[in-house]
Amino acid sequence: MSESGVTPQGDWSRDHIVNADGQRLFCRYWVPEEPPRGLLFVAHGVGEHCGRYSSLAQSLSQRGLIVFAHDHVGHGRSEGERMMVRDFKVYIRDSLQHVDLMKEQYPGLPLFILGHSMGGAISILCACERPSDFTGVVLISPMVQLNPESASPFKVFMAKLLNHVLPSLSLGSIDSKWISRDQKEVESYDTDELNHHGGLSVAFAMQLVGAARLVERAIPTVTWPFLLLHGDADKLCNISGSHMMLEKAQSTDKQLKVYNGAYHVLHHELPETTECVLRDITDWVVTRIPDQAASGS
């Protein structure tokens, strides 16, 4: 970082936290005008950044929640090699660090976590590590099981071999046409300079494979409340993973909402779908705020 406080990823005069590796993570906060009723951390997905959750965050902050998020290491305005992490658990560590900072600043408020895609895997693993911390978990198109076409046993085997000799080799980029049925949203994704538009390396792909395995092993131990939201035309994160989680998790408060014909980024879908998704998420979270917090006492 230069002495002026400017990096290629942004201006550090804005909010940030410093993780355990000394890397600055760019943060965003959406704070309600009235006394807060709860906290909600947002974990974004592969190759994007937390700014893409502004509409969702504003919807929740209008109902009294402080919404907070950061760009993961190597994403958006945060420091770190682009789309590279030495261990997927770094994302969980950094997320829990941010959560702890906010809990210290706002003690006693109920805490929720929301994750999309890869952020869904991060959220599941965070909640499994700290099951008593979270009042509820919201998962939008979560990465529970990888697409069987892109992660077939043969392809995973070949990726393991390549990871030893050519870890930086690109396996191709995310096809943005499967982000949303709304072409304006696809164009917005494509022109967003803070998104990663290059390929996913073999090394990063192997981290995702490992994370999906961790999630699948953890799901039978899940007891916390959760809401799953998935489009049945999602080609990036298989909806079968959400069905499996609903079936195998031990939680008594669990729900899966399926949106017919919807693609991967439900909070940037066709307007009628997005409106429904924001309402479903907000209503689910607000109804799980304990009465004492809801009354502001």
C-alpha atoms as a PDB file:
ATOM      1  CA  MET A   1       0.000   0.000   0.000  1.00  0.00           C
ATOM      2  CA  SER A   2       1.307   3.443  -0.844  1.00  0.00           C
ATOM      3  CA  GLU A   3       1.759   6.212   1.745  1.00  0.00           C
ATOM      4  CA  SER A   4      -1.265   7.988   0.309  1.00  0.00           C
ATOM      5  CA  GLY A   5      -3.451   5.127   1.514  1.00  0.00           C
ATOM      6  CA  VAL A   6      -4.450   4.120  -1.973  1.00  0.00           C
ATOM      7  CA  THR A   7      -4.188   0.574  -3.329  1.00  0.00           C
ATOM      8  CA  PRO A   8      -5.156  -0.748  -6.773  1.00  0.00           C
ATOM      9  CA  GLN A   9      -8.341  -1.980  -5.073  1.00  0.00           C
ATOM     10  CA  GLY A  10      -9.446   1.322  -3.565  1.00  0.00           C
ATOM     11  CA  ASP A  11      -9.019   4.199  -1.119  1.00  0.00           C
ATOM     12  CA  TRP A  12      -8.302   3.166   2.482  1.00  0.00           C
ATOM     13  CA  SER A  13      -9.779   6.345   3.886  1.00  0.00           C
ATOM     14  CA  ARG A  14     -12.972   4.248   3.908  1.00  0.00           C
ATOM     15  CA  ASP A  15     -13.882   1.693   6.565  1.00  0.00           C
ATOM     16  CA  HIS A  16     -11.765  -1.404   6.809  1.00  0.00           C
ATOM     17  CA  ILE A  17     -10.622  -4.069   9.219  1.00  0.00           C
ATOM     18  CA  VAL A  18      -7.216  -5.771   9.303  1.00  0.00           C
ATOM     19  CA  ASN A  19      -7.285  -9.559   9.383  1.00  0.00           C
ATOM     20  CA  ALA A  20      -4.909 -11.932  11.182  1.00  0.00           C
ATOM     21  CA  ASP A  21      -2.571 -11.915   8.166  1.00  0.00           C
ATOM     22  CA  GLY A  22      -2.278  -8.121   8.211  1.00  0.00           C
ATOM     23  CA  GLN A  23      -4.469  -7.661   5.112  1.00  0.00           C
ATOM     24  CA  ARG A  24      -6.954  -4.810   4.934  1.00  0.00           C
ATOM     25  CA  LEU A  25     -10.517  -5.851   4.209  1.00  0.00           C
ATOM     26  CA  PHE A  26     -12.872  -3.222   2.814  1.00  0.00           C
ATOM     27  CA  CYS A  27     -16.109  -3.004   4.832  1.00  0.00           C
ATOM     28  CA  ARG A  28     -19.602  -1.627   4.357  1.00  0.00           C
ATOM     29  CA  TYR A  29     -22.261  -0.850   6.968  1.00  0.00           C
ATOM     30  CA  TRP A  30     -25.961  -0.125   6.613  1.00  0.00           C
ATOM     31  CA  VAL A  31     -27.313   1.337   9.862  1.00  0.00           C
ATOM     32  CA  PRO A  32     -31.007   1.982  10.601  1.00  0.00           C
ATOM     33  CA  GLU A  33     -32.164   5.413  11.739  1.00  0.00           C
ATOM     34  CA  GLU A  34     -33.975   3.981  14.756  1.00  0.00           C
ATOM     35  CA  PRO A  35     -32.323   2.010  17.611  1.00  0.00           C
ATOM     36  CA  PRO A  36     -31.053  -1.278  16.133  1.00  0.00           C
ATOM     37  CA  ARG A  37     -32.951  -4.520  16.751  1.00  0.00           C
ATOM     38  CA  GLY A  38     -30.306  -6.916  15.460  1.00  0.00           C
ATOM     39  CA  LEU A  39     -27.110  -7.496  13.515  1.00  0.00           C
ATOM     40  CA  LEU A  40     -26.741  -9.265  10.180  1.00  0.00           C
ATOM     41  CA  PHE A  41     -23.462 -10.147   8.472  1.00  0.00           C
ATOM     42  CA  VAL A  42     -23.423 -10.676   4.684  1.00  0.00           C
ATOM     43  CA  ALA A  43     -20.935 -13.089   3.078  1.00  0.00           C
ATOM     44  CA  HIS A  44     -20.694 -12.463  -0.668  1.00  0.00           C
ATOM     45  CA  GLY A  45     -19.958 -15.008  -3.385  1.00  0.00           C
ATOM     46  CA  VAL A  46     -17.088 -15.905  -5.706  1.00  0.00           C
ATOM     47  CA  GLY A  47     -15.492 -13.067  -7.643  1.00  0.00           C
ATOM     48  CA  GLU A  48     -17.890 -10.332  -6.516  1.00  0.00           C
ATOM     49  CA  HIS A  49     -17.952  -7.813  -3.653  1.00  0.00           C
ATOM     50  CA  CYS A  50     -20.202  -6.735  -0.818  1.00  0.00           C
ATOM     51  CA  GLY A  51     -21.390  -3.582  -2.574  1.00  0.00           C
ATOM     52  CA  ARG A  52     -23.632  -5.748  -4.730  1.00  0.00           C
ATOM     53  CA  TYR A  53     -25.817  -6.396  -1.657  1.00  0.00           C
ATOM     54  CA  SER A  54     -26.843  -2.777  -1.096  1.00  0.00           C
ATOM     55  CA  SER A  55     -30.518  -3.226  -2.033  1.00  0.00           C
ATOM     56  CA  LEU A  56     -30.869  -6.275   0.185  1.00  0.00           C
ATOM     57  CA  ALA A  57     -29.007  -4.563   3.032  1.00  0.00           C
ATOM     58  CA  GLN A  58     -31.169  -1.443   2.772  1.00  0.00           C
ATOM     59  CA  SER A  59     -34.312  -3.579   2.891  1.00  0.00           C
ATOM     60  CA  LEU A  60     -33.100  -5.150   6.127  1.00  0.00           C
ATOM     61  CA  SER A  61     -31.820  -1.911   7.683  1.00  0.00           C
ATOM     62  CA  GLN A  62     -35.242  -0.352   7.128  1.00  0.00           C
ATOM     63  CA  ARG A  63     -36.571  -3.034   9.478  1.00  0.00           C
ATOM     64  CA  GLY A  64     -34.118  -2.145  12.213  1.00  0.00           C
ATOM     65  CA  LEU A  65     -31.097  -4.340  11.462  1.00  0.00           C
ATOM     66  CA  ILE A  66     -27.495  -3.194  11.275  1.00  0.00           C
ATOM     67  CA  VAL A  67     -26.181  -4.947   8.161  1.00  0.00           C
ATOM     68  CA  PHE A  68     -22.427  -5.268   7.784  1.00  0.00           C
ATOM     69  CA  ALA A  69     -20.112  -6.941   5.293  1.00  0.00           C
ATOM     70  CA  HIS A  70     -16.616  -6.931   3.876  1.00  0.00           C
ATOM     71  CA  ASP A  71     -14.954  -7.890   0.618  1.00  0.00           C
ATOM     72  CA  HIS A  72     -13.232 -11.234   1.176  1.00  0.00           C
ATOM     73  CA  VAL A  73      -9.464 -11.459   0.804  1.00  0.00           C
ATOM     74  CA  GLY A  74      -8.551 -11.140  -2.889  1.00  0.00           C
ATOM     75  CA  HIS A  75     -11.965  -9.697  -3.778  1.00  0.00           C
ATOM     76  CA  GLY A  76     -13.312  -6.231  -4.506  1.00  0.00           C
ATOM     77  CA  ARG A  77     -11.463  -3.468  -2.653  1.00  0.00           C
ATOM     78  CA  SER A  78      -9.796  -5.800  -0.163  1.00  0.00           C
ATOM     79  CA  GLU A  79      -6.119  -6.655  -0.248  1.00  0.00           C
ATOM     80  CA  GLY A  80      -4.782 -10.031  -1.291  1.00  0.00           C
ATOM     81  CA  GLU A  81      -3.943 -11.812  -4.524  1.00  0.00           C
ATOM     82  CA  ARG A  82      -6.995 -11.789  -6.778  1.00  0.00           C
ATOM     83  CA  MET A  83      -9.148 -14.907  -6.420  1.00  0.00           C
ATOM     84  CA  MET A  84      -6.546 -16.788  -4.424  1.00  0.00           C
ATOM     85  CA  VAL A  85      -6.584 -17.943  -0.831  1.00  0.00           C
ATOM     86  CA  ARG A  86      -4.152 -20.302   0.894  1.00  0.00           C
ATOM     87  CA  ASP A  87      -6.977 -21.984   2.818  1.00  0.00           C
ATOM     88  CA  PHE A  88     -10.757 -21.574   2.492  1.00  0.00           C
ATOM     89  CA  LYS A  89     -10.949 -21.362   6.283  1.00  0.00           C
ATOM     90  CA  VAL A  90      -9.381 -17.889   6.029  1.00  0.00           C
ATOM     91  CA  TYR A  91     -12.791 -16.662   4.862  1.00  0.00           C
ATOM     92  CA  ILE A  92     -14.445 -18.168   7.956  1.00  0.00           C
ATOM     93  CA  ARG A  93     -11.777 -16.729  10.247  1.00  0.00           C
ATOM     94  CA  ASP A  94     -12.127 -13.227   8.787  1.00  0.00           C
ATOM     95  CA  SER A  95     -15.935 -13.343   8.904  1.00  0.00           C
ATOM     96  CA  LEU A  96     -15.970 -14.372  12.560  1.00  0.00           C
ATOM     97  CA  GLN A  97     -13.442 -11.626  13.338  1.00  0.00           C
ATOM     98  CA  HIS A  98     -15.808  -9.045  11.840  1.00  0.00           C
ATOM     99  CA  VAL A  99     -18.753 -10.586  13.698  1.00  0.00           C
ATOM    100  CA  ASP A 100     -16.861 -10.401  17.002  1.00  0.00           C
ATOM    101  CA  LEU A 101     -16.029  -6.731  16.443  1.00  0.00           C
ATOM    102  CA  MET A 102     -19.694  -5.892  15.853  1.00  0.00           C
ATOM    103  CA  LYS A 103     -20.884  -7.993  18.807  1.00  0.00           C
ATOM    104  CA  GLU A 104     -18.472  -6.087  21.026  1.00  0.00           C
ATOM    105  CA  GLN A 105     -19.758  -2.776  19.708  1.00  0.00           C
ATOM    106  CA  TYR A 106     -23.436  -3.792  19.978  1.00  0.00           C
ATOM    107  CA  PRO A 107     -23.637  -6.282  22.854  1.00  0.00           C
ATOM    108  CA  GLY A 108     -26.840  -8.216  23.402  1.00  0.00           C
ATOM    109  CA  LEU A 109     -28.323  -7.802  19.924  1.00  0.00           C
ATOM    110  CA  PRO A 110     -29.445 -10.966  18.086  1.00  0.00           C
ATOM    111  CA  LEU A 111     -27.056 -11.924  15.288  1.00  0.00           C
ATOM    112  CA  PHE A 112     -27.885 -13.318  11.850  1.00  0.00           C
ATOM    113  CA  ILE A 113     -25.655 -14.338   8.965  1.00  0.00           C
ATOM    114  CA  LEU A 114     -26.589 -14.325   5.275  1.00  0.00           C
ATOM    115  CA  GLY A 115     -24.520 -15.869   2.513  1.00  0.00           C
ATOM    116  CA  HIS A 116     -24.865 -16.234  -1.228  1.00  0.00           C
ATOM    117  CA  SER A 117     -23.181 -18.942  -3.341  1.00  0.00           C
ATOM    118  CA  MET A 118     -19.648 -19.361  -1.936  1.00  0.00           C
ATOM    119  CA  GLY A 119     -20.789 -17.031   0.829  1.00  0.00           C
ATOM    120  CA  GLY A 120     -23.407 -19.642   1.661  1.00  0.00           C
ATOM    121  CA  ALA A 121     -20.657 -22.168   2.349  1.00  0.00           C
ATOM    122  CA  ILE A 122     -18.827 -19.564   4.442  1.00  0.00           C
ATOM    123  CA  SER A 123     -22.012 -18.859   6.409  1.00  0.00           C
ATOM    124  CA  ILE A 124     -22.725 -22.539   7.065  1.00  0.00           C
ATOM    125  CA  LEU A 125     -19.186 -23.154   8.306  1.00  0.00           C
ATOM    126  CA  CYS A 126     -19.231 -20.003  10.453  1.00  0.00           C
ATOM    127  CA  ALA A 127     -22.502 -21.047  12.085  1.00  0.00           C
ATOM    128  CA  CYS A 128     -21.213 -24.589  12.611  1.00  0.00           C
ATOM    129  CA  GLU A 129     -18.114 -23.218  14.331  1.00  0.00           C
ATOM    130  CA  ARG A 130     -20.167 -20.868  16.536  1.00  0.00           C
ATOM    131  CA  PRO A 131     -23.655 -22.455  16.681  1.00  0.00           C
ATOM    132  CA  SER A 132     -24.722 -20.530  19.791  1.00  0.00           C
ATOM    133  CA  ASP A 133     -23.831 -17.144  18.281  1.00  0.00           C
ATOM    134  CA  PHE A 134     -26.395 -17.022  15.489  1.00  0.00           C
ATOM    135  CA  THR A 135     -30.143 -16.526  15.865  1.00  0.00           C
ATOM    136  CA  GLY A 136     -30.634 -17.563  12.247  1.00  0.00           C
ATOM    137  CA  VAL A 137     -28.892 -18.233   8.924  1.00  0.00           C
ATOM    138  CA  VAL A 138     -30.125 -17.177   5.466  1.00  0.00           C
ATOM    139  CA  LEU A 139     -28.657 -18.967   2.449  1.00  0.00           C
ATOM    140  CA  ILE A 140     -29.203 -17.717  -1.115  1.00  0.00           C
ATOM    141  CA  SER A 141     -28.266 -20.313  -3.760  1.00  0.00           C
ATOM    142  CA  PRO A 142     -25.636 -21.728  -1.387  1.00  0.00           C
ATOM    143  CA  MET A 143     -22.600 -23.696  -2.504  1.00  0.00           C
ATOM    144  CA  VAL A 144     -23.466 -26.970  -0.785  1.00  0.00           C
ATOM    145  CA  GLN A 145     -22.881 -29.322  -3.688  1.00  0.00           C
ATOM    146  CA  LEU A 146     -20.898 -28.319  -6.772  1.00  0.00           C
ATOM    147  CA  ASN A 147     -22.433 -28.579 -10.223  1.00  0.00           C
ATOM    148  CA  PRO A 148     -21.956 -32.243 -11.222  1.00  0.00           C
ATOM    149  CA  GLU A 149     -21.030 -31.214 -14.781  1.00  0.00           C
ATOM    150  CA  SER A 150     -18.206 -28.915 -13.687  1.00  0.00           C
ATOM    151  CA  ALA A 151     -17.077 -31.044 -10.730  1.00  0.00           C
ATOM    152  CA  SER A 152     -17.340 -34.599 -12.036  1.00  0.00           C
ATOM    153  CA  PRO A 153     -15.057 -37.158 -10.344  1.00  0.00           C
ATOM    154  CA  PHE A 154     -12.785 -37.164 -13.406  1.00  0.00           C
ATOM    155  CA  LYS A 155     -12.502 -33.364 -13.524  1.00  0.00           C
ATOM    156  CA  VAL A 156     -11.793 -33.197  -9.799  1.00  0.00           C
ATOM    157  CA  PHE A 157      -9.122 -35.880 -10.196  1.00  0.00           C
ATOM    158  CA  MET A 158      -7.476 -33.956 -13.050  1.00  0.00           C
ATOM    159  CA  ALA A 159      -7.660 -30.712 -11.066  1.00  0.00           C
ATOM    160  CA  LYS A 160      -5.858 -32.382  -8.164  1.00  0.00           C
ATOM    161  CA  LEU A 161      -3.059 -33.446 -10.504  1.00  0.00           C
ATOM    162  CA  LEU A 162      -2.817 -29.989 -12.077  1.00  0.00           C
ATOM    163  CA  ASN A 163      -2.805 -28.345  -8.658  1.00  0.00           C
ATOM    164  CA  HIS A 164       0.581 -29.923  -7.992  1.00  0.00           C
ATOM    165  CA  VAL A 165       2.205 -28.748 -11.219  1.00  0.00           C
ATOM    166  CA  LEU A 166       0.181 -25.803 -12.569  1.00  0.00           C
ATOM    167  CA  PRO A 167      -1.854 -24.348  -9.658  1.00  0.00           C
ATOM    168  CA  SER A 168      -2.302 -20.985 -11.387  1.00  0.00           C
ATOM    169  CA  LEU A 169      -3.699 -22.510 -14.588  1.00  0.00           C
ATOM    170  CA  SER A 170      -7.076 -21.000 -15.451  1.00  0.00           C
ATOM    171  CA  LEU A 171     -10.058 -23.322 -15.653  1.00  0.00           C
ATOM    172  CA  GLY A 172     -12.241 -20.672 -17.266  1.00  0.00           C
ATOM    173  CA  SER A 173     -14.448 -17.900 -15.914  1.00  0.00           C
ATOM    174  CA  ILE A 174     -18.009 -17.796 -14.606  1.00  0.00           C
ATOM    175  CA  ASP A 175     -20.495 -17.531 -17.464  1.00  0.00           C
ATOM    176  CA  SER A 176     -22.404 -14.377 -16.556  1.00  0.00           C
ATOM    177  CA  LYS A 177     -25.457 -15.342 -18.618  1.00  0.00           C
ATOM    178  CA  TRP A 178     -26.413 -17.722 -15.792  1.00  0.00           C
ATOM    179  CA  ILE A 179     -26.301 -14.967 -13.156  1.00  0.00           C
ATOM    180  CA  SER A 180     -29.833 -13.705 -13.805  1.00  0.00           C
ATOM    181  CA  ARG A 181     -32.703 -13.833 -16.287  1.00  0.00           C
ATOM    182  CA  ASP A 182     -32.684 -10.019 -16.226  1.00  0.00           C
ATOM    183  CA  GLN A 183     -30.317  -8.883 -18.975  1.00  0.00           C
ATOM    184  CA  LYS A 184     -29.810  -5.519 -17.251  1.00  0.00           C
ATOM    185  CA  GLU A 185     -28.485  -7.353 -14.197  1.00  0.00           C
ATOM    186  CA  VAL A 186     -26.144  -9.439 -16.368  1.00  0.00           C
ATOM    187  CA  GLU A 187     -24.811  -6.257 -17.969  1.00  0.00           C
ATOM    188  CA  SER A 188     -24.396  -4.669 -14.543  1.00  0.00           C
ATOM    189  CA  TYR A 189     -22.380  -7.683 -13.398  1.00  0.00           C
ATOM    190  CA  ASP A 190     -20.218  -7.621 -16.524  1.00  0.00           C
ATOM    191  CA  THR A 191     -19.440  -3.900 -16.280  1.00  0.00           C
ATOM    192  CA  ASP A 192     -18.779  -3.880 -12.528  1.00  0.00           C
ATOM    193  CA  GLU A 193     -15.037  -3.206 -12.313  1.00  0.00           C
ATOM    194  CA  LEU A 194     -14.842  -4.597  -8.787  1.00  0.00           C
ATOM    195  CA  ASN A 195     -15.996  -8.029  -9.943  1.00  0.00           C
ATOM    196  CA  HIS A 196     -13.380 -10.558 -11.035  1.00  0.00           C
ATOM    197  CA  HIS A 197     -13.887 -11.244 -14.736  1.00  0.00           C
ATOM    198  CA  GLY A 198     -10.904 -13.504 -15.285  1.00  0.00           C
ATOM    199  CA  GLY A 199     -10.665 -17.253 -14.931  1.00  0.00           C
ATOM    200  CA  LEU A 200     -10.723 -19.362 -11.797  1.00  0.00           C
ATOM    201  CA  SER A 201      -7.349 -20.963 -11.106  1.00  0.00           C
ATOM    202  CA  VAL A 202      -6.893 -24.654 -10.435  1.00  0.00           C
ATOM    203  CA  ALA A 203      -5.734 -23.848  -6.897  1.00  0.00           C
ATOM    204  CA  PHE A 204      -8.832 -21.768  -6.136  1.00  0.00           C
ATOM    205  CA  ALA A 205     -11.121 -24.400  -7.663  1.00  0.00           C
ATOM    206  CA  MET A 206      -9.599 -26.996  -5.343  1.00  0.00           C
ATOM    207  CA  GLN A 207     -10.342 -24.745  -2.360  1.00  0.00           C
ATOM    208  CA  LEU A 208     -13.992 -24.655  -3.463  1.00  0.00           C
ATOM    209  CA  VAL A 209     -14.080 -28.437  -3.828  1.00  0.00           C
ATOM    210  CA  GLY A 210     -12.646 -28.809  -0.346  1.00  0.00           C
ATOM    211  CA  ALA A 211     -15.122 -26.299   1.079  1.00  0.00           C
ATOM    212  CA  ALA A 212     -18.090 -28.138  -0.431  1.00  0.00           C
ATOM    213  CA  ARG A 213     -16.877 -31.344   1.208  1.00  0.00           C
ATOM    214  CA  LEU A 214     -16.564 -29.599   4.571  1.00  0.00           C
ATOM    215  CA  VAL A 215     -20.102 -28.270   4.222  1.00  0.00           C
ATOM    216  CA  GLU A 216     -21.534 -31.645   3.257  1.00  0.00           C
ATOM    217  CA  ARG A 217     -19.907 -33.276   6.306  1.00  0.00           C
ATOM    218  CA  ALA A 218     -21.134 -30.503   8.606  1.00  0.00           C
ATOM    219  CA  ILE A 219     -24.784 -30.443   7.545  1.00  0.00           C
ATOM    220  CA  PRO A 220     -25.945 -33.475   9.615  1.00  0.00           C
ATOM    221  CA  THR A 221     -24.746 -31.600  12.737  1.00  0.00           C
ATOM    222  CA  VAL A 222     -26.722 -28.417  11.983  1.00  0.00           C
ATOM    223  CA  THR A 223     -29.322 -27.473  14.607  1.00  0.00           C
ATOM    224  CA  TRP A 224     -29.653 -23.709  14.087  1.00  0.00           C
ATOM    225  CA  PRO A 225     -32.618 -22.061  12.280  1.00  0.00           C
ATOM    226  CA  PHE A 226     -32.101 -21.491   8.567  1.00  0.00           C
ATOM    227  CA  LEU A 227     -33.854 -20.294   5.428  1.00  0.00           C
ATOM    228  CA  LEU A 228     -32.757 -21.667   2.062  1.00  0.00           C
ATOM    229  CA  LEU A 229     -33.624 -19.805  -1.147  1.00  0.00           C
ATOM    230  CA  HIS A 230     -32.853 -21.346  -4.529  1.00  0.00           C
ATOM    231  CA  GLY A 231     -33.890 -20.973  -8.149  1.00  0.00           C
ATOM    232  CA  ASP A 232     -34.775 -24.239  -9.850  1.00  0.00           C
ATOM    233  CA  ALA A 233     -32.914 -23.146 -12.999  1.00  0.00           C
ATOM    234  CA  ASP A 234     -29.653 -22.377 -11.166  1.00  0.00           C
ATOM    235  CA  LYS A 235     -26.748 -23.804 -13.196  1.00  0.00           C
ATOM    236  CA  LEU A 236     -23.951 -22.472 -10.962  1.00  0.00           C
ATOM    237  CA  CYS A 237     -24.850 -24.011  -7.578  1.00  0.00           C
ATOM    238  CA  ASN A 238     -26.905 -27.166  -7.750  1.00  0.00           C
ATOM    239  CA  ILE A 239     -30.296 -26.974  -6.036  1.00  0.00           C
ATOM    240  CA  SER A 240     -29.855 -30.603  -4.988  1.00  0.00           C
ATOM    241  CA  GLY A 241     -27.502 -29.312  -2.291  1.00  0.00           C
ATOM    242  CA  SER A 242     -30.278 -27.214  -0.773  1.00  0.00           C
ATOM    243  CA  HIS A 243     -32.674 -30.166  -0.858  1.00  0.00           C
ATOM    244  CA  MET A 244     -30.024 -32.314   0.819  1.00  0.00           C
ATOM    245  CA  MET A 245     -29.450 -29.717   3.542  1.00  0.00           C
ATOM    246  CA  LEU A 246     -33.182 -29.429   4.230  1.00  0.00           C
ATOM    247  CA  GLU A 247     -33.418 -33.201   4.559  1.00  0.00           C
ATOM    248  CA  LYS A 248     -30.292 -33.945   6.601  1.00  0.00           C
ATOM    249  CA  ALA A 249     -29.977 -30.971   8.955  1.00  0.00           C
ATOM    250  CA  GLN A 250     -31.269 -31.619  12.470  1.00  0.00           C
ATOM    251  CA  SER A 251     -32.801 -28.124  12.771  1.00  0.00           C
ATOM    252  CA  THR A 252     -36.463 -27.950  13.707  1.00  0.00           C
ATOM    253  CA  ASP A 253     -36.781 -24.431  12.264  1.00  0.00           C
ATOM    254  CA  LYS A 254     -35.795 -24.906   8.631  1.00  0.00           C
ATOM    255  CA  GLN A 255     -37.315 -23.883   5.333  1.00  0.00           C
ATOM    256  CA  LEU A 256     -36.578 -24.081   1.606  1.00  0.00           C
ATOM    257  CA  LYS A 257     -38.148 -21.566  -0.768  1.00  0.00           C
ATOM    258  CA  VAL A 258     -37.825 -22.457  -4.472  1.00  0.00           C
ATOM    259  CA  TYR A 259     -38.310 -19.807  -7.168  1.00  0.00           C
ATOM    260  CA  ASN A 260     -39.558 -21.243 -10.439  1.00  0.00           C
ATOM    261  CA  GLY A 261     -37.327 -20.548 -13.431  1.00  0.00           C
ATOM    262  CA  ALA A 262     -34.932 -18.362 -11.437  1.00  0.00           C
ATOM    263  CA  TYR A 263     -31.175 -18.391 -11.966  1.00  0.00           C
ATOM    264  CA  HIS A 264     -28.327 -17.987  -9.462  1.00  0.00           C
ATOM    265  CA  VAL A 265     -28.387 -14.434  -8.065  1.00  0.00           C
ATOM    266  CA  LEU A 266     -31.906 -14.269  -6.663  1.00  0.00           C
ATOM    267  CA  HIS A 267     -31.434 -10.772  -5.221  1.00  0.00           C
ATOM    268  CA  HIS A 268     -30.644  -9.507  -8.763  1.00  0.00           C
ATOM    269  CA  GLU A 269     -33.247 -11.456 -10.714  1.00  0.00           C
ATOM    270  CA  LEU A 270     -36.316 -10.359 -12.651  1.00  0.00           C
ATOM    271  CA  PRO A 271     -37.952  -7.519 -10.669  1.00  0.00           C
ATOM    272  CA  GLU A 272     -40.923  -9.584  -9.499  1.00  0.00           C
ATOM    273  CA  THR A 273     -38.632 -12.374  -8.270  1.00  0.00           C
ATOM    274  CA  THR A 274     -36.217  -9.979  -6.576  1.00  0.00           C
ATOM    275  CA  GLU A 275     -39.080  -8.210  -4.815  1.00  0.00           C
ATOM    276  CA  CYS A 276     -40.355 -11.553  -3.521  1.00  0.00           C
ATOM    277  CA  VAL A 277     -36.869 -12.645  -2.415  1.00  0.00           C
ATOM    278  CA  LEU A 278     -36.210  -9.430  -0.468  1.00  0.00           C
ATOM    279  CA  ARG A 279     -39.606  -9.691   1.223  1.00  0.00           C
ATOM    280  CA  ASP A 280     -39.131 -13.381   2.071  1.00  0.00           C
ATOM    281  CA  ILE A 281     -35.698 -12.766   3.604  1.00  0.00           C
ATOM    282  CA  THR A 282     -36.715  -9.678   5.556  1.00  0.00           C
ATOM    283  CA  ASP A 283     -39.889 -11.269   6.930  1.00  0.00           C
ATOM    284  CA  TRP A 284     -38.051 -14.445   7.959  1.00  0.00           C
ATOM    285  CA  VAL A 285     -35.322 -12.543   9.803  1.00  0.00           C
ATOM    286  CA  VAL A 286     -37.618 -10.026  11.510  1.00  0.00           C
ATOM    287  CA  THR A 287     -39.979 -12.699  12.838  1.00  0.00           C
ATOM    288  CA  ARG A 288     -37.000 -14.387  14.549  1.00  0.00           C
ATOM    289  CA  ILE A 289     -35.830 -11.344  16.429  1.00  0.00           C
ATOM    290  CA  PRO A 290     -36.563 -12.039  20.115  1.00  0.00           C
ATOM    291  CA  ASP A 291     -39.380  -9.934  21.571  1.00  0.00           C
ATOM    292  CA  GLN A 292     -37.041  -8.065  23.901  1.00  0.00           C
ATOM    293  CA  ALA A 293     -34.805  -6.945  21.014  1.00  0.00           C
ATOM    294  CA  ALA A 294     -37.822  -6.222  18.796  1.00  0.00           C
ATOM    295  CA  SER A 295     -39.278  -3.897  21.417  1.00  0.00           C
ATOM    296  CA  GLY A 296     -35.961  -2.065  21.714  1.00  0.00           C
ATOM    297  CA  SER A 297     -35.653  -2.786  25.414  1.00  0.00           C
END
